């Protein structure tokens, strides 16, 4: 069985949490495509060319423990606007999506560019303020010293870059189901996603 679920959305909307849980419950492989860009971003912070870093990316690079920092997130957002970087990572993502047994991919251009023929497309979103608060609490729990105002400014800056880049801008696919998680718990958001996905499973 090949069954592809594409989950897109802005930072801290909950797409990663939902995607991972969906994959676990349905026995599908999961790829957080943002990690590809974070891995490239981390390499650029270490002095590498973003294009060469993208072309040389290996699966084990996604296991690095420093890919969730705020600095790497900003670097990832900056390299993601480069067409050459995006092109270098497309084959990696499409091969993952095409694996037997089915796959869930989350990112910002899965349903629009990477897997336009995905069986299910979700666009997970939430208000910038809600997303910033989630990210602030996450960073605070890790001991980061940053203010709510700084995190909100970062979230809005990433949205601006992601939505207005010339190559694969962040937007819902025309046939995507939008899931606003602003007022939902993690479990409520997961159950809402599962209702949409299970309705499209081949055995239904």
Protein backbone atom coordinates (compact mmCIF):
# COMPACT_ATOMS: atom_id res chain seq x y z
CA UNK A 1 0.00 0.00 0.00
CA UNK A 2 1.14 3.47 -0.87
CA UNK A 3 -0.84 6.07 1.07
CA UNK A 4 0.52 9.58 1.48
CA UNK A 5 -0.64 12.15 4.01
CA UNK A 6 0.61 15.71 3.46
CA UNK A 7 0.46 18.03 6.46
CA UNK A 8 1.39 21.68 6.00
CA UNK A 9 1.23 24.74 8.20
CA UNK A 10 3.17 27.54 9.88
CA UNK A 11 5.55 27.21 12.82
CA UNK A 12 4.15 25.94 16.14
CA UNK A 13 0.67 25.23 14.75
CA UNK A 14 0.92 21.61 15.89
CA UNK A 15 1.52 19.92 12.54
CA UNK A 16 4.56 17.99 13.75
CA UNK A 17 2.86 16.67 16.88
CA UNK A 18 -0.25 15.70 14.92
CA UNK A 19 1.73 14.09 12.09
CA UNK A 20 3.88 11.99 14.40
CA UNK A 21 0.85 10.78 16.37
CA UNK A 22 -1.12 10.00 13.19
CA UNK A 23 1.82 7.99 11.83
CA UNK A 24 2.11 6.02 15.08
CA UNK A 25 -1.61 5.26 15.28
CA UNK A 26 -1.95 4.21 11.65
CA UNK A 27 1.40 2.44 11.29
CA UNK A 28 2.77 4.86 8.70
CA UNK A 29 6.31 6.19 8.31
CA UNK A 30 6.80 9.84 9.35
CA UNK A 31 9.09 12.55 8.03
CA UNK A 32 9.36 15.99 9.58
CA UNK A 33 10.61 17.75 6.46
CA UNK A 34 11.43 20.82 8.51
CA UNK A 35 14.32 18.81 9.93
CA UNK A 36 15.87 18.73 6.45
CA UNK A 37 15.98 22.52 6.41
CA UNK A 38 17.06 22.67 10.05
CA UNK A 39 19.93 20.30 9.27
CA UNK A 40 20.99 22.51 6.37
CA UNK A 41 20.57 25.60 8.55
CA UNK A 42 22.75 24.06 11.26
CA UNK A 43 25.46 23.36 8.71
CA UNK A 44 25.36 26.97 7.49
CA UNK A 45 25.81 28.16 11.08
CA UNK A 46 28.92 25.96 11.14
CA UNK A 47 30.23 27.77 8.07
CA UNK A 48 29.07 25.58 5.19
CA UNK A 49 27.46 26.80 1.98
CA UNK A 50 23.69 26.19 2.19
CA UNK A 51 23.49 24.77 -1.33
CA UNK A 52 26.38 22.36 -0.85
CA UNK A 53 25.03 21.39 2.58
CA UNK A 54 21.65 20.54 1.03
CA UNK A 55 23.19 18.50 -1.76
CA UNK A 56 25.35 16.53 0.68
CA UNK A 57 22.63 15.94 3.29
CA UNK A 58 22.49 12.42 4.73
CA UNK A 59 19.68 10.75 6.74
CA UNK A 60 21.91 10.63 9.82
CA UNK A 61 22.18 14.44 9.73
CA UNK A 62 18.54 14.54 10.88
CA UNK A 63 19.49 12.85 14.15
CA UNK A 64 21.66 15.72 15.38
CA UNK A 65 20.60 16.87 18.83
CA UNK A 66 20.94 20.60 18.16
CA UNK A 67 18.30 21.00 15.44
CA UNK A 68 15.55 22.38 17.70
CA UNK A 69 17.24 25.58 18.84
CA UNK A 70 15.89 29.04 18.00
CA UNK A 71 19.09 29.93 16.09
CA UNK A 72 18.80 26.84 13.90
CA UNK A 73 15.10 27.55 13.29
CA UNK A 74 15.90 31.02 12.01
CA UNK A 75 18.76 29.67 9.87
CA UNK A 76 16.42 27.02 8.45
CA UNK A 77 13.84 29.64 7.51
CA UNK A 78 16.52 31.65 5.70
CA UNK A 79 17.97 28.76 3.69
CA UNK A 80 14.47 27.55 2.80
CA UNK A 81 13.92 30.58 0.57
CA UNK A 82 16.80 29.49 -1.69
CA UNK A 83 15.49 27.67 -4.80
CA UNK A 84 18.70 25.62 -5.11
CA UNK A 85 18.33 24.33 -1.55
CA UNK A 86 14.69 23.39 -2.07
CA UNK A 87 15.48 21.62 -5.34
CA UNK A 88 18.24 19.58 -3.69
CA UNK A 89 15.84 18.29 -1.04
CA UNK A 90 12.84 17.50 -3.26
CA UNK A 91 14.01 14.02 -4.32
CA UNK A 92 14.73 13.03 -0.70
CA UNK A 93 11.17 13.94 0.30
CA UNK A 94 9.42 12.38 -2.70
CA UNK A 95 11.28 9.09 -2.28
CA UNK A 96 10.18 8.98 1.35
CA UNK A 97 6.57 9.71 0.40
CA UNK A 98 6.55 6.92 -2.18
CA UNK A 99 7.68 4.18 0.19
CA UNK A 100 5.52 1.05 0.48
CA UNK A 101 3.35 0.99 3.58
CA UNK A 102 2.39 4.65 3.48
CA UNK A 103 3.88 7.83 4.88
CA UNK A 104 3.02 11.07 6.64
CA UNK A 105 5.10 14.12 5.72
CA UNK A 106 4.80 17.47 7.43
CA UNK A 107 6.25 20.76 6.30
CA UNK A 108 5.26 23.89 4.43
CA UNK A 109 4.96 22.81 0.80
CA UNK A 110 4.10 19.10 0.97
CA UNK A 111 0.59 19.31 -0.45
CA UNK A 112 1.41 22.05 -2.95
CA UNK A 113 4.83 21.02 -4.30
CA UNK A 114 6.32 17.81 -2.88
CA UNK A 115 3.23 15.57 -2.99
CA UNK A 116 0.52 17.34 -5.01
CA UNK A 117 -1.18 13.95 -5.51
CA UNK A 118 -1.20 13.03 -1.80
CA UNK A 119 -4.20 10.97 -0.72
CA UNK A 120 -4.92 13.37 2.15
CA UNK A 121 -3.87 17.00 2.58
CA UNK A 122 -4.19 18.89 5.85
CA UNK A 123 -3.31 22.51 6.54
CA UNK A 124 -2.77 22.91 10.28
CA UNK A 125 -2.81 26.49 11.53
CA UNK A 126 -3.41 28.69 14.59
CA UNK A 127 -3.18 32.38 15.37
CA UNK A 128 0.29 33.91 15.56
CA UNK A 129 -0.26 34.78 19.22
CA UNK A 130 -1.25 31.24 20.17
CA UNK A 131 1.68 29.78 18.24
CA UNK A 132 4.12 32.22 19.81
CA UNK A 133 2.89 31.32 23.30
CA UNK A 134 3.38 27.62 22.58
CA UNK A 135 6.87 28.23 21.28
CA UNK A 136 7.72 30.50 24.22
CA UNK A 137 6.68 27.82 26.74
CA UNK A 138 8.64 25.20 24.81
CA UNK A 139 11.78 27.34 24.77
CA UNK A 140 11.32 28.39 28.40
CA UNK A 141 11.10 24.75 29.47
CA UNK A 142 14.47 24.18 27.80
CA UNK A 143 16.02 27.05 29.77
CA UNK A 144 16.13 29.59 26.94
CA UNK A 145 16.13 33.22 28.02
CA UNK A 146 13.78 35.01 25.66
CA UNK A 147 10.66 37.10 26.06
CA UNK A 148 7.16 36.49 24.75
CA UNK A 149 7.52 39.62 22.62
CA UNK A 150 10.72 38.32 21.02
CA UNK A 151 9.16 34.94 20.26
CA UNK A 152 6.07 36.54 18.72
CA UNK A 153 8.29 38.75 16.55
CA UNK A 154 10.25 35.66 15.43
CA UNK A 155 7.04 33.77 14.60
CA UNK A 156 5.71 36.68 12.55
CA UNK A 157 9.06 37.09 10.76
CA UNK A 158 9.10 33.40 9.83
CA UNK A 159 5.50 33.61 8.60
CA UNK A 160 6.41 36.60 6.45
CA UNK A 161 9.39 34.80 4.89
CA UNK A 162 7.55 31.51 4.42
CA UNK A 163 4.38 32.98 2.93
CA UNK A 164 6.06 35.46 0.61
CA UNK A 165 9.05 33.55 -0.72
CA UNK A 166 9.11 33.19 -4.50
CA UNK A 167 9.75 29.44 -4.38
CA UNK A 168 7.03 27.21 -2.87
CA UNK A 169 5.39 29.77 -0.56
CA UNK A 170 3.49 28.51 2.47
CA UNK A 171 -0.20 28.25 1.57
CA UNK A 172 -2.94 25.62 1.76
CA UNK A 173 -3.30 23.31 -1.22
CA UNK A 174 -6.60 23.93 -3.00
CA UNK A 175 -7.91 20.55 -1.87
CA UNK A 176 -6.48 20.66 1.67
CA UNK A 177 -8.65 20.45 4.76
CA UNK A 178 -7.81 23.31 7.13
CA UNK A 179 -7.50 22.44 10.81
CA UNK A 180 -7.29 25.44 13.15
CA UNK A 181 -5.78 24.30 16.45
CA UNK A 182 -5.99 27.66 18.25
CA UNK A 183 -8.67 26.44 20.67
CA UNK A 184 -7.94 22.69 20.51
CA UNK A 185 -6.02 20.44 22.85
CA UNK A 186 -3.44 18.10 21.31
CA UNK A 187 -5.83 15.16 21.59
CA UNK A 188 -8.73 17.13 20.07
CA UNK A 189 -6.55 18.21 17.15
CA UNK A 190 -5.31 14.64 16.64
CA UNK A 191 -8.82 13.22 16.64
CA UNK A 192 -9.99 15.84 14.14
CA UNK A 193 -7.08 14.94 11.85
CA UNK A 194 -7.76 11.21 12.18
CA UNK A 195 -11.41 11.66 11.15
CA UNK A 196 -10.28 13.27 7.88
CA UNK A 197 -7.49 10.75 7.21
CA UNK A 198 -9.38 7.55 8.08
CA UNK A 199 -12.16 8.54 5.71
CA UNK A 200 -9.61 8.34 2.86
CA UNK A 201 -7.91 5.07 3.83
CA UNK A 202 -8.12 2.42 1.09
CA UNK A 203 -10.02 -0.06 3.27
CA UNK A 204 -12.84 2.44 3.94
